[in-house]
Amino acid sequence: MAAPVLFHHPSSLEHDPGPHPEQPARIVAIERALEAREWLGFDVRSSPPAARAQLEAVHPARLINGIQELCASGGGAIDGDTVVSPGSWEAALHAAGGACAVVDALVGMPGAVDAPRLGVSVHRPPGHHAEARRSMGFCLFNNVAVAARHALASSDVKRVLILDWDVHHGNGTQDVFWQDDDVLFCSIHQWPLYPGTGAADEVGAGAGRGYTVNLPVPPGSGDAVFCSLVEHVVVPLARSYDPGLILISAGFDAHRDDPLADGEVSDAGYGTMAASVRAVADALGVPVGVVLEGGYDLGALARGMVATLEVLAADGPVAAPLLDVHPLSEKYRARHAALLG
């Protein structure tokens, strides 16, 4: 089997929002940690920029043009949290393009016997807060949504599961797929917290009703909560949904060291969540793509990413973790019983 692939690009360092938690040093910290581990055996590649058609499958031309023009004019603030510089345009193109390149590597050649089973896009700016018609929350384009739409449009994949374990709700991803049943969006996030969306009763509409699965957790939630929700709620949903591709919106700001939230997840907790994903992906025979989202303590971010990728890229089978069922998992399993079948 082919080595797992990792896409990155130097343009990620040129997106300069000024004094800001979402800083170029995030990429440097991750890459130094991976380099110290010989990149965990990943085939490291340079990402392409996203094609216009890939972006327009999620975002209208007006938003795309507006970002390009603001960057070309010297940059400025989109909102109080979201700032661009002249280098942000290329960074955003490659952040979305890297996520699409992961999809192409994993499922772009149907029936390929030597396709990798794991890919990761290590880029900034992040994307999961970007709604179809609005950039916000440090995010310009919704990278994971662009990747999911690309998979559905360009491969044999008929259904995509997106697991978002960033501590902030992925309001943008929810917005994009609110009425779709070909993407199952599962988000574990602190509640209440920015951006104020992601209540458990937000479940989608129309054909997409039931395919948005919000799993809000209280401040102070750590491994016992997050890991149980992945193993005891998301994994059964994955088995029932039977996706052709699993994408992780991998934020590391639920870590106990992160300054922007109140999570208590440990380094090992990320490895445990990754083990649940790897085990169900192996059982379903589908690949996993990882797209970087948040994480603002540099050490916790780097260690969390290494812990995640080390498990996902492990040789041989990975056993599902043996975990106690948390009461929140029982509650949410009952809420989503119809989708579980």
C-alpha atoms as a PDB file:
ATOM      1  CA  MET A   1       0.000   0.000   0.000  1.00  0.00           C
ATOM      2  CA  ALA A   2       1.238   3.488  -0.833  1.00  0.00           C
ATOM      3  CA  ALA A   3       2.645   5.712   1.885  1.00  0.00           C
ATOM      4  CA  PRO A   4       0.279   8.268   3.392  1.00  0.00           C
ATOM      5  CA  VAL A   5       0.496  11.708   1.789  1.00  0.00           C
ATOM      6  CA  LEU A   6       0.911  15.141   3.329  1.00  0.00           C
ATOM      7  CA  PHE A   7       0.309  18.365   1.420  1.00  0.00           C
ATOM      8  CA  HIS A   8       1.714  21.725   2.467  1.00  0.00           C
ATOM      9  CA  HIS A   9       2.869  24.949   0.820  1.00  0.00           C
ATOM     10  CA  PRO A  10       5.058  27.922   1.820  1.00  0.00           C
ATOM     11  CA  SER A  11       2.215  30.333   1.075  1.00  0.00           C
ATOM     12  CA  SER A  12       0.726  29.334   4.441  1.00  0.00           C
ATOM     13  CA  LEU A  13       3.447  31.459   6.032  1.00  0.00           C
ATOM     14  CA  GLU A  14       2.527  34.523   3.947  1.00  0.00           C
ATOM     15  CA  HIS A  15      -1.003  34.916   5.322  1.00  0.00           C
ATOM     16  CA  ASP A  16      -0.289  37.665   7.870  1.00  0.00           C
ATOM     17  CA  PRO A  17      -3.249  38.810   9.986  1.00  0.00           C
ATOM     18  CA  GLY A  18      -0.988  40.796  12.321  1.00  0.00           C
ATOM     19  CA  PRO A  19      -1.106  40.159  16.078  1.00  0.00           C
ATOM     20  CA  HIS A  20      -3.521  37.275  16.071  1.00  0.00           C
ATOM     21  CA  PRO A  21      -3.929  33.755  17.509  1.00  0.00           C
ATOM     22  CA  GLU A  22      -4.049  32.259  14.006  1.00  0.00           C
ATOM     23  CA  GLN A  23      -0.402  32.901  13.142  1.00  0.00           C
ATOM     24  CA  PRO A  24       2.197  31.488  10.723  1.00  0.00           C
ATOM     25  CA  ALA A  25       4.042  29.951  13.681  1.00  0.00           C
ATOM     26  CA  ARG A  26       1.278  27.327  13.845  1.00  0.00           C
ATOM     27  CA  ILE A  27       2.491  25.746  10.624  1.00  0.00           C
ATOM     28  CA  VAL A  28       6.126  26.016  11.684  1.00  0.00           C
ATOM     29  CA  ALA A  29       5.387  24.232  14.964  1.00  0.00           C
ATOM     30  CA  ILE A  30       3.578  21.350  13.259  1.00  0.00           C
ATOM     31  CA  GLU A  31       6.198  20.892  10.568  1.00  0.00           C
ATOM     32  CA  ARG A  32       9.097  20.973  13.021  1.00  0.00           C
ATOM     33  CA  ALA A  33       7.404  18.325  15.159  1.00  0.00           C
ATOM     34  CA  LEU A  34       6.750  16.109  12.142  1.00  0.00           C
ATOM     35  CA  GLU A  35      10.242  16.628  10.751  1.00  0.00           C
ATOM     36  CA  ALA A  36      11.689  15.533  14.100  1.00  0.00           C
ATOM     37  CA  ARG A  37       9.754  12.285  13.638  1.00  0.00           C
ATOM     38  CA  GLU A  38      10.909  11.906  10.007  1.00  0.00           C
ATOM     39  CA  TRP A  39       7.443  13.023   8.892  1.00  0.00           C
ATOM     40  CA  LEU A  40       6.021   9.742  10.281  1.00  0.00           C
ATOM     41  CA  GLY A  41       6.702   8.117   6.917  1.00  0.00           C
ATOM     42  CA  PHE A  42       4.433  10.477   4.971  1.00  0.00           C
ATOM     43  CA  ASP A  43       5.072  11.266   1.326  1.00  0.00           C
ATOM     44  CA  VAL A  44       5.400  15.055   1.630  1.00  0.00           C
ATOM     45  CA  ARG A  45       4.162  16.995  -1.386  1.00  0.00           C
ATOM     46  CA  SER A  46       3.564  20.601  -2.395  1.00  0.00           C
ATOM     47  CA  SER A  47      -0.100  21.471  -2.752  1.00  0.00           C
ATOM     48  CA  PRO A  48      -1.638  22.989  -5.882  1.00  0.00           C
ATOM     49  CA  PRO A  49      -3.894  26.034  -5.728  1.00  0.00           C
ATOM     50  CA  ALA A  50      -7.604  25.296  -5.792  1.00  0.00           C
ATOM     51  CA  ALA A  51      -9.227  25.647  -9.184  1.00  0.00           C
ATOM     52  CA  ARG A  52     -11.919  28.269  -9.575  1.00  0.00           C
ATOM     53  CA  ALA A  53     -14.536  25.576 -10.230  1.00  0.00           C
ATOM     54  CA  GLN A  54     -13.615  23.802  -6.986  1.00  0.00           C
ATOM     55  CA  LEU A  55     -14.172  27.001  -4.991  1.00  0.00           C
ATOM     56  CA  GLU A  56     -17.385  27.878  -6.815  1.00  0.00           C
ATOM     57  CA  ALA A  57     -18.852  24.486  -5.925  1.00  0.00           C
ATOM     58  CA  VAL A  58     -19.136  25.942  -2.386  1.00  0.00           C
ATOM     59  CA  HIS A  59     -18.744  29.724  -2.567  1.00  0.00           C
ATOM     60  CA  PRO A  60     -20.346  32.266  -4.931  1.00  0.00           C
ATOM     61  CA  ALA A  61     -18.129  34.249  -7.284  1.00  0.00           C
ATOM     62  CA  ARG A  62     -18.881  37.443  -5.367  1.00  0.00           C
ATOM     63  CA  LEU A  63     -17.220  36.142  -2.206  1.00  0.00           C
ATOM     64  CA  ILE A  64     -14.225  34.704  -4.068  1.00  0.00           C
ATOM     65  CA  ASN A  65     -13.690  37.904  -6.039  1.00  0.00           C
ATOM     66  CA  GLY A  66     -14.063  40.014  -2.920  1.00  0.00           C
ATOM     67  CA  ILE A  67     -11.297  38.154  -1.106  1.00  0.00           C
ATOM     68  CA  GLN A  68      -8.996  38.357  -4.121  1.00  0.00           C
ATOM     69  CA  GLU A  69      -9.600  42.088  -4.522  1.00  0.00           C
ATOM     70  CA  LEU A  70      -9.115  42.853  -0.822  1.00  0.00           C
ATOM     71  CA  CYS A  71      -5.805  40.984  -0.785  1.00  0.00           C
ATOM     72  CA  ALA A  72      -4.650  42.660  -3.994  1.00  0.00           C
ATOM     73  CA  SER A  73      -5.429  46.093  -2.551  1.00  0.00           C
ATOM     74  CA  GLY A  74      -3.110  45.509   0.409  1.00  0.00           C
ATOM     75  CA  GLY A  75      -5.389  43.587   2.754  1.00  0.00           C
ATOM     76  CA  GLY A  76      -7.690  44.566   5.563  1.00  0.00           C
ATOM     77  CA  ALA A  77     -10.334  43.306   7.954  1.00  0.00           C
ATOM     78  CA  ILE A  78     -13.287  41.223   6.796  1.00  0.00           C
ATOM     79  CA  ASP A  79     -14.628  41.282  10.345  1.00  0.00           C
ATOM     80  CA  GLY A  80     -13.189  41.781  13.810  1.00  0.00           C
ATOM     81  CA  ASP A  81     -11.598  38.311  13.805  1.00  0.00           C
ATOM     82  CA  THR A  82     -10.777  37.803  10.136  1.00  0.00           C
ATOM     83  CA  VAL A  83      -7.980  39.818   8.536  1.00  0.00           C
ATOM     84  CA  VAL A  84      -6.175  39.366   5.231  1.00  0.00           C
ATOM     85  CA  SER A  85      -2.839  40.547   3.886  1.00  0.00           C
ATOM     86  CA  PRO A  86      -1.460  40.572   0.323  1.00  0.00           C
ATOM     87  CA  GLY A  87      -0.219  37.009   0.811  1.00  0.00           C
ATOM     88  CA  SER A  88      -3.548  35.691   2.046  1.00  0.00           C
ATOM     89  CA  TRP A  89      -4.975  35.039  -1.416  1.00  0.00           C
ATOM     90  CA  GLU A  90      -2.309  32.492  -2.356  1.00  0.00           C
ATOM     91  CA  ALA A  91      -2.452  30.958   1.107  1.00  0.00           C
ATOM     92  CA  ALA A  92      -6.224  30.526   0.890  1.00  0.00           C
ATOM     93  CA  LEU A  93      -6.011  29.036  -2.614  1.00  0.00           C
ATOM     94  CA  HIS A  94      -3.474  26.464  -1.449  1.00  0.00           C
ATOM     95  CA  ALA A  95      -5.366  25.708   1.767  1.00  0.00           C
ATOM     96  CA  ALA A  96      -8.404  24.735  -0.292  1.00  0.00           C
ATOM     97  CA  GLY A  97      -6.235  23.191  -2.987  1.00  0.00           C
ATOM     98  CA  GLY A  98      -4.354  21.071  -0.464  1.00  0.00           C
ATOM     99  CA  ALA A  99      -7.619  19.652   0.848  1.00  0.00           C
ATOM    100  CA  CYS A 100      -8.695  18.821  -2.711  1.00  0.00           C
ATOM    101  CA  ALA A 101      -5.285  17.272  -3.421  1.00  0.00           C
ATOM    102  CA  VAL A 102      -5.828  14.952  -0.452  1.00  0.00           C
ATOM    103  CA  VAL A 103      -9.111  13.848  -2.039  1.00  0.00           C
ATOM    104  CA  ASP A 104      -7.456  13.274  -5.398  1.00  0.00           C
ATOM    105  CA  ALA A 105      -4.697  11.195  -3.810  1.00  0.00           C
ATOM    106  CA  LEU A 106      -7.153   9.064  -1.849  1.00  0.00           C
ATOM    107  CA  VAL A 107     -10.061   8.532  -4.259  1.00  0.00           C
ATOM    108  CA  GLY A 108      -9.096  10.244  -7.496  1.00  0.00           C
ATOM    109  CA  MET A 109      -8.260   6.985  -9.273  1.00  0.00           C
ATOM    110  CA  PRO A 110     -11.134   4.533  -8.718  1.00  0.00           C
ATOM    111  CA  GLY A 111      -9.978   0.993  -8.197  1.00  0.00           C
ATOM    112  CA  ALA A 112      -6.308   1.917  -7.742  1.00  0.00           C
ATOM    113  CA  VAL A 113      -4.694  -0.853  -5.701  1.00  0.00           C
ATOM    114  CA  ASP A 114      -1.813   1.297  -4.469  1.00  0.00           C
ATOM    115  CA  ALA A 115      -3.734   4.429  -3.439  1.00  0.00           C
ATOM    116  CA  PRO A 116      -2.871   5.740   0.019  1.00  0.00           C
ATOM    117  CA  ARG A 117      -5.454   5.258   2.753  1.00  0.00           C
ATOM    118  CA  LEU A 118      -4.524   8.467   4.572  1.00  0.00           C
ATOM    119  CA  GLY A 119      -3.865  12.043   3.512  1.00  0.00           C
ATOM    120  CA  VAL A 120      -3.409  15.283   5.423  1.00  0.00           C
ATOM    121  CA  SER A 121      -3.545  18.951   4.428  1.00  0.00           C
ATOM    122  CA  VAL A 122      -1.392  21.152   6.688  1.00  0.00           C
ATOM    123  CA  HIS A 123      -2.310  24.676   5.652  1.00  0.00           C
ATOM    124  CA  ARG A 124      -3.674  27.932   6.943  1.00  0.00           C
ATOM    125  CA  PRO A 125      -5.953  29.846   7.018  1.00  0.00           C
ATOM    126  CA  PRO A 126      -8.375  27.287   8.456  1.00  0.00           C
ATOM    127  CA  GLY A 127     -11.829  26.948   6.948  1.00  0.00           C
ATOM    128  CA  HIS A 128     -14.682  25.455   8.949  1.00  0.00           C
ATOM    129  CA  HIS A 129     -16.224  28.794  10.010  1.00  0.00           C
ATOM    130  CA  ALA A 130     -16.475  30.053   6.412  1.00  0.00           C
ATOM    131  CA  GLU A 131     -20.099  29.854   5.324  1.00  0.00           C
ATOM    132  CA  ALA A 132     -21.077  29.622   1.681  1.00  0.00           C
ATOM    133  CA  ARG A 133     -21.567  33.400   1.415  1.00  0.00           C
ATOM    134  CA  ARG A 134     -19.505  34.687   4.312  1.00  0.00           C
ATOM    135  CA  SER A 135     -15.863  34.459   5.394  1.00  0.00           C
ATOM    136  CA  MET A 136     -15.517  34.659   9.180  1.00  0.00           C
ATOM    137  CA  GLY A 137     -13.827  33.283  12.279  1.00  0.00           C
ATOM    138  CA  PHE A 138     -10.233  33.350  10.910  1.00  0.00           C
ATOM    139  CA  CYS A 139     -11.495  31.432   7.815  1.00  0.00           C
ATOM    140  CA  LEU A 140     -11.636  32.565   4.176  1.00  0.00           C
ATOM    141  CA  PHE A 141     -12.715  29.501   2.154  1.00  0.00           C
ATOM    142  CA  ASN A 142     -14.229  26.395   3.720  1.00  0.00           C
ATOM    143  CA  ASN A 143     -11.444  23.980   2.870  1.00  0.00           C
ATOM    144  CA  VAL A 144     -13.068  20.776   4.086  1.00  0.00           C
ATOM    145  CA  ALA A 145     -16.365  21.626   2.376  1.00  0.00           C
ATOM    146  CA  VAL A 146     -14.551  22.344  -0.891  1.00  0.00           C
ATOM    147  CA  ALA A 147     -12.788  18.986  -0.545  1.00  0.00           C
ATOM    148  CA  ALA A 148     -16.032  17.104   0.153  1.00  0.00           C
ATOM    149  CA  ARG A 149     -17.808  18.666  -2.826  1.00  0.00           C
ATOM    150  CA  HIS A 150     -14.768  17.880  -4.969  1.00  0.00           C
ATOM    151  CA  ALA A 151     -14.885  14.231  -3.892  1.00  0.00           C
ATOM    152  CA  LEU A 152     -18.571  13.946  -4.740  1.00  0.00           C
ATOM    153  CA  ALA A 153     -18.108  15.619  -8.118  1.00  0.00           C
ATOM    154  CA  SER A 154     -14.889  14.015  -9.310  1.00  0.00           C
ATOM    155  CA  SER A 155     -14.799  10.453  -7.964  1.00  0.00           C
ATOM    156  CA  ASP A 156     -16.960   7.413  -7.360  1.00  0.00           C
ATOM    157  CA  VAL A 157     -17.616   8.554  -3.778  1.00  0.00           C
ATOM    158  CA  LYS A 158     -21.352   8.958  -3.160  1.00  0.00           C
ATOM    159  CA  ARG A 159     -21.309   9.903   0.529  1.00  0.00           C
ATOM    160  CA  VAL A 160     -18.776  11.749   2.695  1.00  0.00           C
ATOM    161  CA  LEU A 161     -18.578  11.798   6.482  1.00  0.00           C
ATOM    162  CA  ILE A 162     -17.027  14.922   8.006  1.00  0.00           C
ATOM    163  CA  LEU A 163     -16.013  14.681  11.668  1.00  0.00           C
ATOM    164  CA  ASP A 164     -15.208  18.077  13.167  1.00  0.00           C
ATOM    165  CA  TRP A 165     -13.524  17.847  16.576  1.00  0.00           C
ATOM    166  CA  ASP A 166     -12.386  21.481  16.715  1.00  0.00           C
ATOM    167  CA  VAL A 167     -13.586  23.010  19.996  1.00  0.00           C
ATOM    168  CA  HIS A 168     -15.532  25.662  18.066  1.00  0.00           C
ATOM    169  CA  HIS A 169     -18.602  24.649  16.090  1.00  0.00           C
ATOM    170  CA  GLY A 170     -18.069  24.326  12.345  1.00  0.00           C
ATOM    171  CA  ASN A 171     -20.902  26.667  11.459  1.00  0.00           C
ATOM    172  CA  GLY A 172     -19.639  27.121   7.928  1.00  0.00           C
ATOM    173  CA  THR A 173     -19.568  23.427   7.132  1.00  0.00           C
ATOM    174  CA  GLN A 174     -23.024  23.066   8.639  1.00  0.00           C
ATOM    175  CA  ASP A 175     -24.277  25.944   6.476  1.00  0.00           C
ATOM    176  CA  VAL A 176     -22.879  24.452   3.271  1.00  0.00           C
ATOM    177  CA  PHE A 177     -24.392  20.986   3.781  1.00  0.00           C
ATOM    178  CA  TRP A 178     -27.548  21.922   5.726  1.00  0.00           C
ATOM    179  CA  GLN A 179     -29.876  20.531   3.053  1.00  0.00           C
ATOM    180  CA  ASP A 180     -27.666  17.715   1.744  1.00  0.00           C
ATOM    181  CA  ASP A 181     -27.813  14.013   2.533  1.00  0.00           C
ATOM    182  CA  ASP A 182     -24.631  13.102   0.664  1.00  0.00           C
ATOM    183  CA  VAL A 183     -22.533  14.624   3.469  1.00  0.00           C
ATOM    184  CA  LEU A 184     -22.968  13.548   7.087  1.00  0.00           C
ATOM    185  CA  PHE A 185     -21.562  16.355   9.247  1.00  0.00           C
ATOM    186  CA  CYS A 186     -20.738  15.484  12.869  1.00  0.00           C
ATOM    187  CA  SER A 187     -19.381  18.214  15.150  1.00  0.00           C
ATOM    188  CA  ILE A 188     -18.122  17.882  18.737  1.00  0.00           C
ATOM    189  CA  HIS A 189     -17.683  21.350  20.200  1.00  0.00           C
ATOM    190  CA  GLN A 190     -17.851  23.341  23.401  1.00  0.00           C
ATOM    191  CA  TRP A 191     -21.178  24.977  24.148  1.00  0.00           C
ATOM    192  CA  PRO A 192     -21.653  27.855  24.718  1.00  0.00           C
ATOM    193  CA  LEU A 193     -18.743  29.296  22.743  1.00  0.00           C
ATOM    194  CA  TYR A 194     -18.023  31.167  19.524  1.00  0.00           C
ATOM    195  CA  PRO A 195     -19.691  31.247  17.011  1.00  0.00           C
ATOM    196  CA  GLY A 196     -22.881  30.518  18.982  1.00  0.00           C
ATOM    197  CA  THR A 197     -24.250  27.859  16.645  1.00  0.00           C
ATOM    198  CA  GLY A 198     -24.282  24.090  16.958  1.00  0.00           C
ATOM    199  CA  ALA A 199     -27.130  23.348  19.339  1.00  0.00           C
ATOM    200  CA  ALA A 200     -28.110  19.698  19.464  1.00  0.00           C
ATOM    201  CA  ASP A 201     -31.454  20.422  17.804  1.00  0.00           C
ATOM    202  CA  GLU A 202     -29.775  21.873  14.702  1.00  0.00           C
ATOM    203  CA  VAL A 203     -30.126  18.782  12.487  1.00  0.00           C
ATOM    204  CA  GLY A 204     -30.434  20.043   8.911  1.00  0.00           C
ATOM    205  CA  ALA A 205     -33.438  20.617   6.679  1.00  0.00           C
ATOM    206  CA  GLY A 206     -35.130  19.139   3.634  1.00  0.00           C
ATOM    207  CA  ALA A 207     -33.192  16.188   2.238  1.00  0.00           C
ATOM    208  CA  GLY A 208     -30.480  16.975   4.757  1.00  0.00           C
ATOM    209  CA  ARG A 209     -32.655  16.645   7.842  1.00  0.00           C
ATOM    210  CA  GLY A 210     -30.855  14.322  10.265  1.00  0.00           C
ATOM    211  CA  TYR A 211     -27.533  14.553   8.437  1.00  0.00           C
ATOM    212  CA  THR A 212     -26.215  17.391  10.600  1.00  0.00           C
ATOM    213  CA  VAL A 213     -25.219  15.879  13.938  1.00  0.00           C
ATOM    214  CA  ASN A 214     -24.238  18.418  16.583  1.00  0.00           C
ATOM    215  CA  LEU A 215     -22.733  17.053  19.793  1.00  0.00           C
ATOM    216  CA  PRO A 216     -22.203  20.087  22.047  1.00  0.00           C
ATOM    217  CA  VAL A 217     -20.259  19.535  25.273  1.00  0.00           C
ATOM    218  CA  PRO A 218     -19.912  21.715  28.379  1.00  0.00           C
ATOM    219  CA  PRO A 219     -16.773  23.688  29.282  1.00  0.00           C
ATOM    220  CA  GLY A 220     -14.214  21.489  31.004  1.00  0.00           C
ATOM    221  CA  SER A 221     -14.917  18.442  28.827  1.00  0.00           C
ATOM    222  CA  GLY A 222     -11.907  16.239  28.256  1.00  0.00           C
ATOM    223  CA  ASP A 223     -10.915  12.813  27.004  1.00  0.00           C
ATOM    224  CA  ALA A 224     -13.779  10.915  28.630  1.00  0.00           C
ATOM    225  CA  VAL A 225     -16.351  13.042  26.807  1.00  0.00           C
ATOM    226  CA  PHE A 226     -14.703  13.639  23.426  1.00  0.00           C
ATOM    227  CA  CYS A 227     -13.391  10.090  23.000  1.00  0.00           C
ATOM    228  CA  SER A 228     -16.688   8.491  23.982  1.00  0.00           C
ATOM    229  CA  LEU A 229     -18.624  10.699  21.575  1.00  0.00           C
ATOM    230  CA  VAL A 230     -16.378   9.627  18.719  1.00  0.00           C
ATOM    231  CA  GLU A 231     -16.405   5.928  19.614  1.00  0.00           C
ATOM    232  CA  HIS A 232     -20.005   5.566  20.771  1.00  0.00           C
ATOM    233  CA  VAL A 233     -21.857   8.069  18.568  1.00  0.00           C
ATOM    234  CA  VAL A 234     -19.816   8.988  15.488  1.00  0.00           C
ATOM    235  CA  VAL A 235     -18.501   5.477  14.815  1.00  0.00           C
ATOM    236  CA  PRO A 236     -21.982   3.838  14.862  1.00  0.00           C
ATOM    237  CA  LEU A 237     -23.253   6.655  12.648  1.00  0.00           C
ATOM    238  CA  ALA A 238     -20.389   5.992  10.242  1.00  0.00           C
ATOM    239  CA  ARG A 239     -21.222   2.296  10.103  1.00  0.00           C
ATOM    240  CA  SER A 240     -24.866   3.087   9.365  1.00  0.00           C
ATOM    241  CA  TYR A 241     -24.123   5.831   6.837  1.00  0.00           C
ATOM    242  CA  ASP A 242     -21.413   3.832   5.015  1.00  0.00           C
ATOM    243  CA  PRO A 243     -19.453   6.748   3.499  1.00  0.00           C
ATOM    244  CA  GLY A 244     -16.926   6.353   0.726  1.00  0.00           C
ATOM    245  CA  LEU A 245     -14.581   8.858   2.389  1.00  0.00           C
ATOM    246  CA  ILE A 246     -14.034  10.180   5.916  1.00  0.00           C
ATOM    247  CA  LEU A 247     -12.707  13.716   6.385  1.00  0.00           C
ATOM    248  CA  ILE A 248     -11.592  15.080   9.752  1.00  0.00           C
ATOM    249  CA  SER A 249     -11.782  18.811  10.420  1.00  0.00           C
ATOM    250  CA  ALA A 250      -8.873  18.528  12.814  1.00  0.00           C
ATOM    251  CA  GLY A 251      -8.737  21.400  15.260  1.00  0.00           C
ATOM    252  CA  PHE A 252      -6.603  20.992  18.375  1.00  0.00           C
ATOM    253  CA  ASP A 253      -8.075  23.798  20.465  1.00  0.00           C
ATOM    254  CA  ALA A 254     -10.045  21.465  22.740  1.00  0.00           C
ATOM    255  CA  HIS A 255      -6.637  20.705  24.278  1.00  0.00           C
ATOM    256  CA  ARG A 256      -6.239  21.577  27.951  1.00  0.00           C
ATOM    257  CA  ASP A 257      -3.408  24.013  27.103  1.00  0.00           C
ATOM    258  CA  ASP A 258      -5.307  26.005  24.476  1.00  0.00           C
ATOM    259  CA  PRO A 259      -5.979  29.657  25.405  1.00  0.00           C
ATOM    260  CA  LEU A 260      -9.201  30.205  23.422  1.00  0.00           C
ATOM    261  CA  ALA A 261     -11.532  27.669  25.041  1.00  0.00           C
ATOM    262  CA  ASP A 262     -12.070  25.506  28.104  1.00  0.00           C
ATOM    263  CA  GLY A 263     -11.468  21.987  26.830  1.00  0.00           C
ATOM    264  CA  GLU A 264      -9.452  19.416  28.755  1.00  0.00           C
ATOM    265  CA  VAL A 265      -8.454  17.002  25.977  1.00  0.00           C
ATOM    266  CA  SER A 266      -4.941  15.571  26.330  1.00  0.00           C
ATOM    267  CA  ASP A 267      -2.364  14.619  23.715  1.00  0.00           C
ATOM    268  CA  ALA A 268      -3.388  10.986  24.227  1.00  0.00           C
ATOM    269  CA  GLY A 269      -7.045  11.915  23.776  1.00  0.00           C
ATOM    270  CA  TYR A 270      -6.403  12.952  20.186  1.00  0.00           C
ATOM    271  CA  GLY A 271      -4.672   9.643  19.577  1.00  0.00           C
ATOM    272  CA  THR A 272      -7.667   7.808  21.023  1.00  0.00           C
ATOM    273  CA  MET A 273     -10.135   9.678  18.806  1.00  0.00           C
ATOM    274  CA  ALA A 274      -7.894   8.922  15.840  1.00  0.00           C
ATOM    275  CA  ALA A 275      -7.896   5.231  16.766  1.00  0.00           C
ATOM    276  CA  SER A 276     -11.696   5.173  16.659  1.00  0.00           C
ATOM    277  CA  VAL A 277     -11.672   6.788  13.220  1.00  0.00           C
ATOM    278  CA  ARG A 278      -8.938   4.522  11.892  1.00  0.00           C
ATOM    279  CA  ALA A 279     -10.697   1.389  13.142  1.00  0.00           C
ATOM    280  CA  VAL A 280     -14.047   2.232  11.561  1.00  0.00           C
ATOM    281  CA  ALA A 281     -12.380   3.384   8.338  1.00  0.00           C
ATOM    282  CA  ASP A 282     -10.592   0.039   8.107  1.00  0.00           C
ATOM    283  CA  ALA A 283     -13.843  -1.802   8.802  1.00  0.00           C
ATOM    284  CA  LEU A 284     -15.613   0.132   6.051  1.00  0.00           C
ATOM    285  CA  GLY A 285     -12.646  -0.071   3.685  1.00  0.00           C
ATOM    286  CA  VAL A 286     -12.504   3.702   3.143  1.00  0.00           C
ATOM    287  CA  PRO A 287      -9.694   6.270   3.315  1.00  0.00           C
ATOM    288  CA  VAL A 288      -9.310   9.136   5.771  1.00  0.00           C
ATOM    289  CA  GLY A 289      -8.370  12.727   4.971  1.00  0.00           C
ATOM    290  CA  VAL A 290      -7.278  15.210   7.644  1.00  0.00           C
ATOM    291  CA  VAL A 291      -7.706  18.970   7.165  1.00  0.00           C
ATOM    292  CA  LEU A 292      -6.138  21.323   9.712  1.00  0.00           C
ATOM    293  CA  GLU A 293      -8.477  23.712  11.516  1.00  0.00           C
ATOM    294  CA  GLY A 294      -7.734  25.497  14.823  1.00  0.00           C
ATOM    295  CA  GLY A 295      -5.316  25.062  17.709  1.00  0.00           C
ATOM    296  CA  TYR A 296      -3.574  28.070  19.250  1.00  0.00           C
ATOM    297  CA  ASP A 297      -1.109  26.774  21.814  1.00  0.00           C
ATOM    298  CA  LEU A 298       1.825  25.879  19.599  1.00  0.00           C
ATOM    299  CA  GLY A 299       3.057  22.957  21.658  1.00  0.00           C
ATOM    300  CA  ALA A 300      -0.392  21.428  22.115  1.00  0.00           C
ATOM    301  CA  LEU A 301      -1.150  21.931  18.421  1.00  0.00           C
ATOM    302  CA  ALA A 302       2.011  20.187  17.280  1.00  0.00           C
ATOM    303  CA  ARG A 303       1.712  17.329  19.763  1.00  0.00           C
ATOM    304  CA  GLY A 304      -1.964  16.827  18.965  1.00  0.00           C
ATOM    305  CA  MET A 305      -1.284  16.617  15.258  1.00  0.00           C
ATOM    306  CA  VAL A 306       1.577  14.151  15.766  1.00  0.00           C
ATOM    307  CA  ALA A 307      -0.561  12.004  18.080  1.00  0.00           C
ATOM    308  CA  THR A 308      -3.389  11.970  15.537  1.00  0.00           C
ATOM    309  CA  LEU A 309      -1.280  11.179  12.490  1.00  0.00           C
ATOM    310  CA  GLU A 310       0.844   8.601  14.293  1.00  0.00           C
ATOM    311  CA  VAL A 311      -2.255   6.509  14.995  1.00  0.00           C
ATOM    312  CA  LEU A 312      -3.926   7.076  11.638  1.00  0.00           C
ATOM    313  CA  ALA A 313      -0.722   6.149   9.778  1.00  0.00           C
ATOM    314  CA  ALA A 314       0.141   3.085  11.887  1.00  0.00           C
ATOM    315  CA  ASP A 315       1.128  -0.090  10.061  1.00  0.00           C
ATOM    316  CA  GLY A 316      -1.262  -2.969  10.484  1.00  0.00           C
ATOM    317  CA  PRO A 317      -4.709  -2.919  12.067  1.00  0.00           C
ATOM    318  CA  VAL A 318      -5.633  -0.434  14.775  1.00  0.00           C
ATOM    319  CA  ALA A 319      -7.989  -1.700  17.455  1.00  0.00           C
ATOM    320  CA  ALA A 320     -10.989   0.365  18.456  1.00  0.00           C
ATOM    321  CA  PRO A 321     -10.413   1.794  21.939  1.00  0.00           C
ATOM    322  CA  LEU A 322     -12.252   0.226  24.870  1.00  0.00           C
ATOM    323  CA  LEU A 323     -14.034   3.139  26.525  1.00  0.00           C
ATOM    324  CA  ASP A 324     -16.776   3.663  29.049  1.00  0.00           C
ATOM    325  CA  VAL A 325     -19.940   5.067  27.509  1.00  0.00           C
ATOM    326  CA  HIS A 326     -20.295   8.647  28.716  1.00  0.00           C
ATOM    327  CA  PRO A 327     -23.814   9.828  29.655  1.00  0.00           C
ATOM    328  CA  LEU A 328     -23.677  12.425  26.868  1.00  0.00           C
ATOM    329  CA  SER A 329     -23.088   9.619  24.395  1.00  0.00           C
ATOM    330  CA  GLU A 330     -26.203   7.845  25.622  1.00  0.00           C
ATOM    331  CA  LYS A 331     -28.180  11.061  25.281  1.00  0.00           C
ATOM    332  CA  TYR A 332     -27.003  11.766  21.747  1.00  0.00           C
ATOM    333  CA  ARG A 333     -27.399   8.174  20.592  1.00  0.00           C
ATOM    334  CA  ALA A 334     -31.054   8.391  21.561  1.00  0.00           C
ATOM    335  CA  ARG A 335     -31.455  11.697  19.720  1.00  0.00           C
ATOM    336  CA  HIS A 336     -29.981  10.291  16.506  1.00  0.00           C
ATOM    337  CA  ALA A 337     -31.528   6.816  16.744  1.00  0.00           C
ATOM    338  CA  ALA A 338     -33.288   7.193  13.387  1.00  0.00           C
ATOM    339  CA  LEU A 339     -30.027   7.743  11.529  1.00  0.00           C
ATOM    340  CA  LEU A 340     -28.388   4.900  13.431  1.00  0.00           C
ATOM    341  CA  GLY A 341     -31.066   2.557  12.087  1.00  0.00           C
END
